[in-house]
């Protein structure tokens, strides 16, 4: 993968790992936030990120925030 970064995605609602396992790169982490939000951390390139966003949208999740940090 070129230009791999770590993306943090916060969505409204409870997301189950099985909802995204087939569309997310291996090694993602997921944390249930206070309230009813879920935060994901995914190490991927921009193309993988776009695919994951489309999948989450297709499942009906509302994206609250996305941030990117450089992967070491």
C-alpha atoms as a PDB file:
ATOM      1  CA  UNK A   1       0.000   0.000   0.000  1.00  0.00           C
ATOM      2  CA  UNK A   2       1.241   3.469  -0.810  1.00  0.00           C
ATOM      3  CA  UNK A   3       0.846   6.371   1.608  1.00  0.00           C
ATOM      4  CA  UNK A   4      -0.430   4.288   4.495  1.00  0.00           C
ATOM      5  CA  UNK A   5      -1.818   6.319   7.383  1.00  0.00           C
ATOM      6  CA  UNK A   6      -3.846   5.685  10.505  1.00  0.00           C
ATOM      7  CA  UNK A   7      -7.402   6.953  10.172  1.00  0.00           C
ATOM      8  CA  UNK A   8      -9.672   7.541  13.158  1.00  0.00           C
ATOM      9  CA  UNK A   9     -13.346   7.407  12.258  1.00  0.00           C
ATOM     10  CA  UNK A  10     -16.184   8.249  14.605  1.00  0.00           C
ATOM     11  CA  UNK A  11     -19.692   7.160  13.660  1.00  0.00           C
ATOM     12  CA  UNK A  12     -23.066   7.625  15.330  1.00  0.00           C
ATOM     13  CA  UNK A  13     -24.414   4.343  16.597  1.00  0.00           C
ATOM     14  CA  UNK A  14     -23.124   1.006  17.804  1.00  0.00           C
ATOM     15  CA  UNK A  15     -20.991  -0.700  15.206  1.00  0.00           C
ATOM     16  CA  UNK A  16     -20.257  -4.421  15.503  1.00  0.00           C
ATOM     17  CA  UNK A  17     -16.921  -5.816  14.304  1.00  0.00           C
ATOM     18  CA  UNK A  18     -18.693  -8.275  12.003  1.00  0.00           C
ATOM     19  CA  UNK A  19     -20.313  -5.315  10.198  1.00  0.00           C
ATOM     20  CA  UNK A  20     -16.960  -4.189   8.833  1.00  0.00           C
ATOM     21  CA  UNK A  21     -14.543  -7.153   9.044  1.00  0.00           C
ATOM     22  CA  UNK A  22     -14.844  -8.011   5.365  1.00  0.00           C
ATOM     23  CA  UNK A  23     -14.392  -4.360   4.270  1.00  0.00           C
ATOM     24  CA  UNK A  24     -11.698  -3.223   6.697  1.00  0.00           C
ATOM     25  CA  UNK A  25      -7.984  -3.943   6.574  1.00  0.00           C
ATOM     26  CA  UNK A  26      -6.815  -6.459   9.177  1.00  0.00           C
ATOM     27  CA  UNK A  27      -5.810  -5.068  12.534  1.00  0.00           C
ATOM     28  CA  UNK A  28      -8.432  -2.338  12.939  1.00  0.00           C
ATOM     29  CA  UNK A  29      -9.440  -1.385  16.460  1.00  0.00           C
ATOM     30  CA  UNK A  30     -12.876  -0.355  17.600  1.00  0.00           C
ATOM     31  CA  UNK A  31     -13.965   1.446  20.763  1.00  0.00           C
ATOM     32  CA  UNK A  32     -17.477   2.145  21.981  1.00  0.00           C
ATOM     33  CA  UNK A  33     -17.580   5.787  23.046  1.00  0.00           C
ATOM     34  CA  UNK A  34     -19.711   7.473  25.673  1.00  0.00           C
ATOM     35  CA  UNK A  35     -23.262   7.738  24.469  1.00  0.00           C
ATOM     36  CA  UNK A  36     -24.038   5.780  21.349  1.00  0.00           C
ATOM     37  CA  UNK A  37     -20.947   6.450  19.183  1.00  0.00           C
ATOM     38  CA  UNK A  38     -18.224   4.130  17.907  1.00  0.00           C
ATOM     39  CA  UNK A  39     -14.628   5.077  17.125  1.00  0.00           C
ATOM     40  CA  UNK A  40     -12.510   3.036  14.700  1.00  0.00           C
ATOM     41  CA  UNK A  41      -8.771   3.191  14.103  1.00  0.00           C
ATOM     42  CA  UNK A  42      -7.734   1.759  10.735  1.00  0.00           C
ATOM     43  CA  UNK A  43      -4.291   1.568   9.129  1.00  0.00           C
ATOM     44  CA  UNK A  44      -4.767   1.828   5.376  1.00  0.00           C
ATOM     45  CA  UNK A  45      -4.188   3.954   2.302  1.00  0.00           C
ATOM     46  CA  UNK A  46      -6.637   6.546   0.995  1.00  0.00           C
ATOM     47  CA  UNK A  47      -8.269   4.099  -1.412  1.00  0.00           C
ATOM     48  CA  UNK A  48      -8.987   1.660   1.427  1.00  0.00           C
ATOM     49  CA  UNK A  49     -10.357   4.495   3.515  1.00  0.00           C
ATOM     50  CA  UNK A  50     -12.766   5.564   0.784  1.00  0.00           C
ATOM     51  CA  UNK A  51     -14.029   1.987   0.446  1.00  0.00           C
ATOM     52  CA  UNK A  52     -14.609   1.741   4.191  1.00  0.00           C
ATOM     53  CA  UNK A  53     -16.458   5.071   4.269  1.00  0.00           C
ATOM     54  CA  UNK A  54     -18.732   3.896   1.451  1.00  0.00           C
ATOM     55  CA  UNK A  55     -19.433   0.659   3.287  1.00  0.00           C
ATOM     56  CA  UNK A  56     -20.284   2.477   6.534  1.00  0.00           C
ATOM     57  CA  UNK A  57     -22.563   4.844   4.614  1.00  0.00           C
ATOM     58  CA  UNK A  58     -24.267   1.887   2.941  1.00  0.00           C
ATOM     59  CA  UNK A  59     -24.953   0.386   6.363  1.00  0.00           C
ATOM     60  CA  UNK A  60     -26.674   3.643   7.346  1.00  0.00           C
ATOM     61  CA  UNK A  61     -24.077   4.989   9.779  1.00  0.00           C
ATOM     62  CA  UNK A  62     -23.630   8.754  10.121  1.00  0.00           C
ATOM     63  CA  UNK A  63     -19.969   9.827  10.004  1.00  0.00           C
ATOM     64  CA  UNK A  64     -19.222  12.254  12.841  1.00  0.00           C
ATOM     65  CA  UNK A  65     -15.505  12.768  12.263  1.00  0.00           C
ATOM     66  CA  UNK A  66     -12.470  11.457  10.392  1.00  0.00           C
ATOM     67  CA  UNK A  67      -8.881  12.316  11.220  1.00  0.00           C
ATOM     68  CA  UNK A  68      -5.590  11.110   9.821  1.00  0.00           C
ATOM     69  CA  UNK A  69      -2.168  10.621  11.394  1.00  0.00           C
ATOM     70  CA  UNK A  70       0.999   9.414   9.730  1.00  0.00           C
ATOM     71  CA  UNK A  71       1.805   5.747  10.238  1.00  0.00           C
ATOM     72  CA  UNK A  72       5.357   5.033  11.368  1.00  0.00           C
END
